[in-house]
C-alpha atoms as a PDB file:
ATOM      1  CA  UNK A   1     128.838 167.352 123.573  1.00  0.00           C
ATOM      2  CA  UNK A   2     125.667 167.434 125.683  1.00  0.00           C
ATOM      3  CA  UNK A   3     123.600 168.545 122.685  1.00  0.00           C
ATOM      4  CA  UNK A   4     125.091 165.771 120.560  1.00  0.00           C
ATOM      5  CA  UNK A   5     124.326 163.210 123.255  1.00  0.00           C
ATOM      6  CA  UNK A   6     120.712 164.380 123.497  1.00  0.00           C
ATOM      7  CA  UNK A   7     120.271 164.097 119.739  1.00  0.00           C
ATOM      8  CA  UNK A   8     121.709 160.573 119.814  1.00  0.00           C
ATOM      9  CA  UNK A   9     119.377 159.597 122.648  1.00  0.00           C
ATOM     10  CA  UNK A  10     116.389 161.022 120.771  1.00  0.00           C
ATOM     11  CA  UNK A  11     117.271 159.043 117.659  1.00  0.00           C
ATOM     12  CA  UNK A  12     117.682 155.869 119.715  1.00  0.00           C
ATOM     13  CA  UNK A  13     114.312 156.284 121.425  1.00  0.00           C
ATOM     14  CA  UNK A  14     112.570 156.956 118.105  1.00  0.00           C
ATOM     15  CA  UNK A  15     113.624 153.521 116.839  1.00  0.00           C
ATOM     16  CA  UNK A  16     112.328 151.607 119.865  1.00  0.00           C
ATOM     17  CA  UNK A  17     109.097 149.733 118.973  1.00  0.00           C
ATOM     18  CA  UNK A  18     106.015 150.995 120.779  1.00  0.00           C
ATOM     19  CA  UNK A  19     104.902 148.751 123.636  1.00  0.00           C
ATOM     20  CA  UNK A  20     101.369 147.645 124.466  1.00  0.00           C
ATOM     21  CA  UNK A  21     100.576 150.994 126.077  1.00  0.00           C
ATOM     22  CA  UNK A  22     100.994 152.689 122.693  1.00  0.00           C
ATOM     23  CA  UNK A  23      98.380 150.497 121.021  1.00  0.00           C
ATOM     24  CA  UNK A  24      95.499 152.580 119.628  1.00  0.00           C
ATOM     25  CA  UNK A  25      92.056 151.860 121.074  1.00  0.00           C
ATOM     26  CA  UNK A  26      89.541 149.982 118.941  1.00  0.00           C
ATOM     27  CA  UNK A  27      87.756 152.287 116.513  1.00  0.00           C
ATOM     28  CA  UNK A  28      84.149 153.097 117.276  1.00  0.00           C
ATOM     29  CA  UNK A  29      81.365 153.224 114.727  1.00  0.00           C
ATOM     30  CA  UNK A  30      82.939 156.190 112.946  1.00  0.00           C
ATOM     31  CA  UNK A  31      85.814 154.049 111.662  1.00  0.00           C
ATOM     32  CA  UNK A  32      85.360 153.445 107.924  1.00  0.00           C
ATOM     33  CA  UNK A  33      84.793 149.689 108.201  1.00  0.00           C
ATOM     34  CA  UNK A  34      82.429 149.896 111.182  1.00  0.00           C
ATOM     35  CA  UNK A  35      80.488 152.694 109.494  1.00  0.00           C
ATOM     36  CA  UNK A  36      80.014 150.491 106.426  1.00  0.00           C
ATOM     37  CA  UNK A  37      78.806 147.686 108.704  1.00  0.00           C
ATOM     38  CA  UNK A  38      76.321 150.097 110.300  1.00  0.00           C
ATOM     39  CA  UNK A  39      75.014 151.079 106.887  1.00  0.00           C
ATOM     40  CA  UNK A  40      74.590 147.438 105.874  1.00  0.00           C
ATOM     41  CA  UNK A  41      72.735 146.672 109.096  1.00  0.00           C
ATOM     42  CA  UNK A  42      70.346 149.583 108.570  1.00  0.00           C
ATOM     43  CA  UNK A  43      69.858 148.639 104.921  1.00  0.00           C
ATOM     44  CA  UNK A  44      68.896 145.089 105.869  1.00  0.00           C
ATOM     45  CA  UNK A  45      66.044 146.530 107.944  1.00  0.00           C
ATOM     46  CA  UNK A  46      65.062 149.410 105.681  1.00  0.00           C
ATOM     47  CA  UNK A  47      65.538 147.797 102.273  1.00  0.00           C
ATOM     48  CA  UNK A  48      65.955 144.026 102.838  1.00  0.00           C
ATOM     49  CA  UNK A  49      69.426 144.239 101.306  1.00  0.00           C
ATOM     50  CA  UNK A  50      73.005 144.606 102.516  1.00  0.00           C
ATOM     51  CA  UNK A  51      73.849 146.696  99.453  1.00  0.00           C
ATOM     52  CA  UNK A  52      73.205 150.116 100.993  1.00  0.00           C
ATOM     53  CA  UNK A  53      74.852 151.926  98.104  1.00  0.00           C
ATOM     54  CA  UNK A  54      72.103 150.605  95.818  1.00  0.00           C
ATOM     55  CA  UNK A  55      69.562 152.583  97.873  1.00  0.00           C
ATOM     56  CA  UNK A  56      70.379 156.105  96.708  1.00  0.00           C
ATOM     57  CA  UNK A  57      67.528 155.728  94.205  1.00  0.00           C
ATOM     58  CA  UNK A  58      65.050 154.053  96.543  1.00  0.00           C
ATOM     59  CA  UNK A  59      61.767 155.954  96.947  1.00  0.00           C
ATOM     60  CA  UNK A  60      58.359 154.833  98.142  1.00  0.00           C
ATOM     61  CA  UNK A  61      55.266 156.001 100.000  1.00  0.00           C
ATOM     62  CA  UNK A  62      55.167 153.420 102.790  1.00  0.00           C
ATOM     63  CA  UNK A  63      51.925 154.881 104.213  1.00  0.00           C
ATOM     64  CA  UNK A  64      53.461 155.973 107.524  1.00  0.00           C
ATOM     65  CA  UNK A  65      52.119 159.548 107.376  1.00  0.00           C
ATOM     66  CA  UNK A  66      55.570 160.845 106.418  1.00  0.00           C
ATOM     67  CA  UNK A  67      55.002 161.171 102.667  1.00  0.00           C
ATOM     68  CA  UNK A  68      57.714 159.752 100.428  1.00  0.00           C
ATOM     69  CA  UNK A  69      60.519 157.798 102.081  1.00  0.00           C
ATOM     70  CA  UNK A  70      63.682 157.721 100.008  1.00  0.00           C
ATOM     71  CA  UNK A  71      67.430 157.298  99.796  1.00  0.00           C
ATOM     72  CA  UNK A  72      70.035 155.589 101.904  1.00  0.00           C
ATOM     73  CA  UNK A  73      68.469 156.280 105.300  1.00  0.00           C
ATOM     74  CA  UNK A  74      64.850 157.041 104.427  1.00  0.00           C
ATOM     75  CA  UNK A  75      64.703 160.811 103.963  1.00  0.00           C
ATOM     76  CA  UNK A  76      61.029 161.786 104.199  1.00  0.00           C
ATOM     77  CA  UNK A  77      59.089 164.498 102.389  1.00  0.00           C
ATOM     78  CA  UNK A  78      56.921 165.009 105.462  1.00  0.00           C
ATOM     79  CA  UNK A  79      59.637 165.403 108.097  1.00  0.00           C
ATOM     80  CA  UNK A  80      61.923 168.057 106.643  1.00  0.00           C
ATOM     81  CA  UNK A  81      65.071 166.019 106.083  1.00  0.00           C
ATOM     82  CA  UNK A  82      64.255 165.413 102.410  1.00  0.00           C
ATOM     83  CA  UNK A  83      63.725 169.143 101.951  1.00  0.00           C
ATOM     84  CA  UNK A  84      67.110 169.902 103.538  1.00  0.00           C
ATOM     85  CA  UNK A  85      68.741 167.304 101.313  1.00  0.00           C
ATOM     86  CA  UNK A  86      67.313 168.738  98.093  1.00  0.00           C
ATOM     87  CA  UNK A  87      68.222 172.255  99.230  1.00  0.00           C
ATOM     88  CA  UNK A  88      71.818 171.125  99.794  1.00  0.00           C
ATOM     89  CA  UNK A  89      71.934 169.395  96.414  1.00  0.00           C
ATOM     90  CA  UNK A  90      70.569 172.508  94.726  1.00  0.00           C
ATOM     91  CA  UNK A  91      73.102 174.793  96.413  1.00  0.00           C
ATOM     92  CA  UNK A  92      75.849 172.548  95.133  1.00  0.00           C
ATOM     93  CA  UNK A  93      74.285 171.943  91.718  1.00  0.00           C
ATOM     94  CA  UNK A  94      71.730 174.591  90.711  1.00  0.00           C
ATOM     95  CA  UNK A  95      69.197 173.531  88.106  1.00  0.00           C
ATOM     96  CA  UNK A  96      69.312 169.847  89.024  1.00  0.00           C
ATOM     97  CA  UNK A  97      66.342 167.616  88.232  1.00  0.00           C
ATOM     98  CA  UNK A  98      64.915 167.911  91.761  1.00  0.00           C
ATOM     99  CA  UNK A  99      65.270 171.681  92.187  1.00  0.00           C
ATOM    100  CA  UNK A 100      61.845 172.358  90.666  1.00  0.00           C
ATOM    101  CA  UNK A 101      60.209 170.415  93.509  1.00  0.00           C
ATOM    102  CA  UNK A 102      61.530 172.670  96.273  1.00  0.00           C
ATOM    103  CA  UNK A 103      58.326 174.762  96.524  1.00  0.00           C
ATOM    104  CA  UNK A 104      56.230 171.586  96.808  1.00  0.00           C
ATOM    105  CA  UNK A 105      58.605 170.067  99.378  1.00  0.00           C
ATOM    106  CA  UNK A 106      58.268 173.193 101.494  1.00  0.00           C
ATOM    107  CA  UNK A 107      54.464 173.071 101.275  1.00  0.00           C
ATOM    108  CA  UNK A 108      54.155 169.396 102.240  1.00  0.00           C
ATOM    109  CA  UNK A 109      56.727 169.557 105.052  1.00  0.00           C
ATOM    110  CA  UNK A 110      55.090 168.327 108.250  1.00  0.00           C
ATOM    111  CA  UNK A 111      52.324 166.473 106.418  1.00  0.00           C
ATOM    112  CA  UNK A 112      51.719 163.186 104.624  1.00  0.00           C
ATOM    113  CA  UNK A 113      50.670 165.014 101.457  1.00  0.00           C
ATOM    114  CA  UNK A 114      52.260 164.242  98.101  1.00  0.00           C
ATOM    115  CA  UNK A 115      50.676 167.270  96.414  1.00  0.00           C
ATOM    116  CA  UNK A 116      53.026 168.781  93.888  1.00  0.00           C
ATOM    117  CA  UNK A 117      55.302 165.732  94.055  1.00  0.00           C
ATOM    118  CA  UNK A 118      53.265 162.824  92.686  1.00  0.00           C
ATOM    119  CA  UNK A 119      53.408 161.325  90.184  1.00  0.00           C
ATOM    120  CA  UNK A 120      56.717 162.542  88.655  1.00  0.00           C
ATOM    121  CA  UNK A 121      58.911 163.061  91.709  1.00  0.00           C
ATOM    122  CA  UNK A 122      59.892 159.377  92.190  1.00  0.00           C
ATOM    123  CA  UNK A 123      61.174 159.045  88.623  1.00  0.00           C
ATOM    124  CA  UNK A 124      63.167 162.265  88.939  1.00  0.00           C
ATOM    125  CA  UNK A 125      64.549 161.126  92.297  1.00  0.00           C
ATOM    126  CA  UNK A 126      65.841 157.958  90.656  1.00  0.00           C
ATOM    127  CA  UNK A 127      67.409 160.045  87.888  1.00  0.00           C
ATOM    128  CA  UNK A 128      69.113 162.280  90.436  1.00  0.00           C
ATOM    129  CA  UNK A 129      70.392 159.223  92.306  1.00  0.00           C
ATOM    130  CA  UNK A 130      72.700 158.432  89.390  1.00  0.00           C
ATOM    131  CA  UNK A 131      74.480 161.752  89.949  1.00  0.00           C
ATOM    132  CA  UNK A 132      77.564 161.442  92.209  1.00  0.00           C
ATOM    133  CA  UNK A 133      76.821 164.951  93.516  1.00  0.00           C
ATOM    134  CA  UNK A 134      73.426 163.790  94.808  1.00  0.00           C
ATOM    135  CA  UNK A 135      74.964 160.688  96.315  1.00  0.00           C
ATOM    136  CA  UNK A 136      77.493 162.853  98.169  1.00  0.00           C
ATOM    137  CA  UNK A 137      74.675 165.104  99.355  1.00  0.00           C
ATOM    138  CA  UNK A 138      72.829 162.090 100.764  1.00  0.00           C
ATOM    139  CA  UNK A 139      75.994 160.933 102.542  1.00  0.00           C
ATOM    140  CA  UNK A 140      76.629 164.384 103.979  1.00  0.00           C
ATOM    141  CA  UNK A 141      73.070 164.898 105.237  1.00  0.00           C
ATOM    142  CA  UNK A 142      73.044 161.404 106.734  1.00  0.00           C
ATOM    143  CA  UNK A 143      76.181 162.306 108.667  1.00  0.00           C
ATOM    144  CA  UNK A 144      75.062 165.789 109.687  1.00  0.00           C
ATOM    145  CA  UNK A 145      71.556 164.915 110.872  1.00  0.00           C
ATOM    146  CA  UNK A 146      71.803 161.299 112.018  1.00  0.00           C
ATOM    147  CA  UNK A 147      75.150 159.514 112.083  1.00  0.00           C
ATOM    148  CA  UNK A 148      77.446 162.102 113.643  1.00  0.00           C
ATOM    149  CA  UNK A 149      74.965 163.233 116.353  1.00  0.00           C
ATOM    150  CA  UNK A 150      74.158 159.609 117.260  1.00  0.00           C
ATOM    151  CA  UNK A 151      77.808 158.583 117.559  1.00  0.00           C
ATOM    152  CA  UNK A 152      78.692 161.747 119.469  1.00  0.00           C
ATOM    153  CA  UNK A 153      75.831 161.274 121.962  1.00  0.00           C
ATOM    154  CA  UNK A 154      76.654 157.576 122.390  1.00  0.00           C
ATOM    155  CA  UNK A 155      80.311 158.354 123.107  1.00  0.00           C
ATOM    156  CA  UNK A 156      79.244 160.951 125.674  1.00  0.00           C
ATOM    157  CA  UNK A 157      77.154 158.214 127.310  1.00  0.00           C
ATOM    158  CA  UNK A 158      80.201 155.912 127.362  1.00  0.00           C
ATOM    159  CA  UNK A 159      78.903 153.465 124.764  1.00  0.00           C
ATOM    160  CA  UNK A 160      81.044 151.402 122.419  1.00  0.00           C
ATOM    161  CA  UNK A 161      80.362 150.562 118.761  1.00  0.00           C
ATOM    162  CA  UNK A 162      77.212 148.493 119.383  1.00  0.00           C
ATOM    163  CA  UNK A 163      75.676 151.210 121.526  1.00  0.00           C
ATOM    164  CA  UNK A 164      76.624 153.796 118.929  1.00  0.00           C
ATOM    165  CA  UNK A 165      74.824 151.728 116.310  1.00  0.00           C
ATOM    166  CA  UNK A 166      71.786 151.285 118.575  1.00  0.00           C
ATOM    167  CA  UNK A 167      71.556 155.084 118.876  1.00  0.00           C
ATOM    168  CA  UNK A 168      72.081 155.603 115.145  1.00  0.00           C
ATOM    169  CA  UNK A 169      69.405 153.116 114.106  1.00  0.00           C
ATOM    170  CA  UNK A 170      66.952 154.665 116.546  1.00  0.00           C
ATOM    171  CA  UNK A 171      67.718 158.149 115.271  1.00  0.00           C
ATOM    172  CA  UNK A 172      67.217 157.051 111.653  1.00  0.00           C
ATOM    173  CA  UNK A 173      63.792 155.540 112.350  1.00  0.00           C
ATOM    174  CA  UNK A 174      62.415 157.887 114.973  1.00  0.00           C
ATOM    175  CA  UNK A 175      64.189 161.153 114.222  1.00  0.00           C
ATOM    176  CA  UNK A 176      66.498 163.175 116.487  1.00  0.00           C
ATOM    177  CA  UNK A 177      63.720 165.061 118.284  1.00  0.00           C
ATOM    178  CA  UNK A 178      62.883 165.259 121.984  1.00  0.00           C
ATOM    179  CA  UNK A 179      59.264 164.021 122.083  1.00  0.00           C
ATOM    180  CA  UNK A 180      58.546 160.606 123.576  1.00  0.00           C
ATOM    181  CA  UNK A 181      58.527 158.789 120.212  1.00  0.00           C
ATOM    182  CA  UNK A 182      61.744 160.415 118.963  1.00  0.00           C
ATOM    183  CA  UNK A 183      65.315 159.524 119.856  1.00  0.00           C
ATOM    184  CA  UNK A 184      65.512 162.061 122.658  1.00  0.00           C
ATOM    185  CA  UNK A 185      62.373 160.747 124.316  1.00  0.00           C
ATOM    186  CA  UNK A 186      63.488 157.122 123.969  1.00  0.00           C
ATOM    187  CA  UNK A 187      66.831 157.941 125.576  1.00  0.00           C
ATOM    188  CA  UNK A 188      65.112 159.834 128.391  1.00  0.00           C
ATOM    189  CA  UNK A 189      62.884 156.821 129.115  1.00  0.00           C
ATOM    190  CA  UNK A 190      65.929 154.527 129.165  1.00  0.00           C
ATOM    191  CA  UNK A 191      67.854 156.877 131.475  1.00  0.00           C
ATOM    192  CA  UNK A 192      64.984 156.705 133.964  1.00  0.00           C
ATOM    193  CA  UNK A 193      65.450 152.914 134.122  1.00  0.00           C
ATOM    194  CA  UNK A 194      69.236 152.524 133.998  1.00  0.00           C
ATOM    195  CA  UNK A 195      72.408 154.609 134.037  1.00  0.00           C
ATOM    196  CA  UNK A 196      74.744 154.624 131.021  1.00  0.00           C
ATOM    197  CA  UNK A 197      78.430 153.793 131.558  1.00  0.00           C
ATOM    198  CA  UNK A 198      79.404 157.477 131.632  1.00  0.00           C
ATOM    199  CA  UNK A 199      77.263 157.809 134.767  1.00  0.00           C
ATOM    200  CA  UNK A 200      78.598 154.693 136.413  1.00  0.00           C
ATOM    201  CA  UNK A 201      76.091 152.233 134.983  1.00  0.00           C
ATOM    202  CA  UNK A 202      76.515 148.859 133.308  1.00  0.00           C
ATOM    203  CA  UNK A 203      76.640 149.076 129.512  1.00  0.00           C
ATOM    204  CA  UNK A 204      74.596 145.921 128.852  1.00  0.00           C
ATOM    205  CA  UNK A 205      71.943 146.855 131.414  1.00  0.00           C
ATOM    206  CA  UNK A 206      71.603 150.335 129.968  1.00  0.00           C
ATOM    207  CA  UNK A 207      71.385 149.133 126.366  1.00  0.00           C
ATOM    208  CA  UNK A 208      68.686 146.653 127.321  1.00  0.00           C
ATOM    209  CA  UNK A 209      66.740 149.531 128.895  1.00  0.00           C
ATOM    210  CA  UNK A 210      67.208 151.615 125.761  1.00  0.00           C
ATOM    211  CA  UNK A 211      66.026 148.786 123.498  1.00  0.00           C
ATOM    212  CA  UNK A 212      62.986 148.256 125.726  1.00  0.00           C
ATOM    213  CA  UNK A 213      62.120 151.943 125.349  1.00  0.00           C
ATOM    214  CA  UNK A 214      62.774 151.757 121.621  1.00  0.00           C
ATOM    215  CA  UNK A 215      60.384 148.818 121.213  1.00  0.00           C
ATOM    216  CA  UNK A 216      57.660 150.684 123.070  1.00  0.00           C
ATOM    217  CA  UNK A 217      58.092 153.648 120.707  1.00  0.00           C
ATOM    218  CA  UNK A 218      57.980 151.376 117.667  1.00  0.00           C
ATOM    219  CA  UNK A 219      54.789 149.683 118.825  1.00  0.00           C
ATOM    220  CA  UNK A 220      53.137 153.077 119.210  1.00  0.00           C
ATOM    221  CA  UNK A 221      53.286 153.553 115.428  1.00  0.00           C
ATOM    222  CA  UNK A 222      51.528 151.127 113.104  1.00  0.00           C
ATOM    223  CA  UNK A 223      54.147 151.447 110.374  1.00  0.00           C
ATOM    224  CA  UNK A 224      56.938 150.507 112.819  1.00  0.00           C
ATOM    225  CA  UNK A 225      55.214 147.953 115.032  1.00  0.00           C
ATOM    226  CA  UNK A 226      57.364 145.056 113.756  1.00  0.00           C
ATOM    227  CA  UNK A 227      60.244 145.094 116.231  1.00  0.00           C
ATOM    228  CA  UNK A 228      62.446 142.382 114.721  1.00  0.00           C
ATOM    229  CA  UNK A 229      65.254 144.859 113.935  1.00  0.00           C
ATOM    230  CA  UNK A 230      65.569 145.107 117.716  1.00  0.00           C
ATOM    231  CA  UNK A 231      64.638 141.547 118.707  1.00  0.00           C
ATOM    232  CA  UNK A 232      66.573 139.513 116.156  1.00  0.00           C
ATOM    233  CA  UNK A 233      69.338 141.968 115.310  1.00  0.00           C
ATOM    234  CA  UNK A 234      70.428 144.376 118.040  1.00  0.00           C
ATOM    235  CA  UNK A 235      69.318 142.229 120.957  1.00  0.00           C
ATOM    236  CA  UNK A 236      71.226 139.268 119.463  1.00  0.00           C
ATOM    237  CA  UNK A 237      74.470 141.253 119.330  1.00  0.00           C
ATOM    238  CA  UNK A 238      73.873 142.470 122.879  1.00  0.00           C
ATOM    239  CA  UNK A 239      73.111 138.967 124.189  1.00  0.00           C
ATOM    240  CA  UNK A 240      76.415 137.837 122.687  1.00  0.00           C
ATOM    241  CA  UNK A 241      78.156 140.726 124.488  1.00  0.00           C
ATOM    242  CA  UNK A 242      79.506 141.915 121.159  1.00  0.00           C
ATOM    243  CA  UNK A 243      79.780 145.489 122.384  1.00  0.00           C
ATOM    244  CA  UNK A 244      82.454 146.352 119.820  1.00  0.00           C
ATOM    245  CA  UNK A 245      80.265 145.071 116.972  1.00  0.00           C
ATOM    246  CA  UNK A 246      82.963 142.776 115.664  1.00  0.00           C
ATOM    247  CA  UNK A 247      82.269 140.509 112.666  1.00  0.00           C
ATOM    248  CA  UNK A 248      81.240 137.875 111.942  1.00  0.00           C
ATOM    249  CA  UNK A 249      77.698 139.081 112.539  1.00  0.00           C
ATOM    250  CA  UNK A 250      74.589 137.022 111.869  1.00  0.00           C
ATOM    251  CA  UNK A 251      71.064 138.301 112.398  1.00  0.00           C
ATOM    252  CA  UNK A 252      67.501 138.226 111.070  1.00  0.00           C
ATOM    253  CA  UNK A 253      65.140 141.023 110.082  1.00  0.00           C
ATOM    254  CA  UNK A 254      61.521 140.293 109.164  1.00  0.00           C
ATOM    255  CA  UNK A 255      62.464 136.607 109.008  1.00  0.00           C
ATOM    256  CA  UNK A 256      65.302 137.081 106.500  1.00  0.00           C
ATOM    257  CA  UNK A 257      68.767 135.930 107.582  1.00  0.00           C
ATOM    258  CA  UNK A 258      71.890 138.015 106.956  1.00  0.00           C
ATOM    259  CA  UNK A 259      75.595 137.588 107.655  1.00  0.00           C
ATOM    260  CA  UNK A 260      78.551 139.938 107.554  1.00  0.00           C
ATOM    261  CA  UNK A 261      81.652 137.762 107.622  1.00  0.00           C
ATOM    262  CA  UNK A 262      84.293 140.430 108.069  1.00  0.00           C
END
């Protein structure tokens, strides 16, 4: 009888609607919709377009001493991330159209040189970009090197979706290194000015300190000295206290106006 009563009670409780305490917290940047928003925001700054999925085939030498810049987050031939991407693609699909450039990519790593790549590499990159396997490789390397580490670090610092995006965008542009012009150095400078929420600080105050440090790093490099992606994008969201990065979002980059309605 006791066992039967316990079963009946369990069944009754399982049908009771969950109260407010059972409500799931708002998803951070890693939620599918917020991640897509993050990609559109980055694409507006990197490619002057919200259509980030059209950027798999993007490739250009933007004269920033990093060689070719290409793909959905600007993989560079001079910084190693393009090499890692092509190595991953080749492990998954041996004999692909980019595999023959691996020796050249290894030689130019750490330099601005295009030797062994120009002039045919861009056309072959665009050919590869039509391959779903290469698109998946770009997505996976974006997540491994930039997106996942940025979101993880931001969560450890107690930051919500906007702060997670601020970290991600900085990591994409400046790289995940520790020197003063890389993400690690920018964060260190910000931490010297303000405490993040995880250390008892105010989230808005800390993010303002981080964006100040980010602007200083951008101005130190000629190719990145235009700071509108901070001034008229991220700072706008922060001024509006939109710490969860909730649409609608309206911003400008390089004078162009963009809106994400939902």
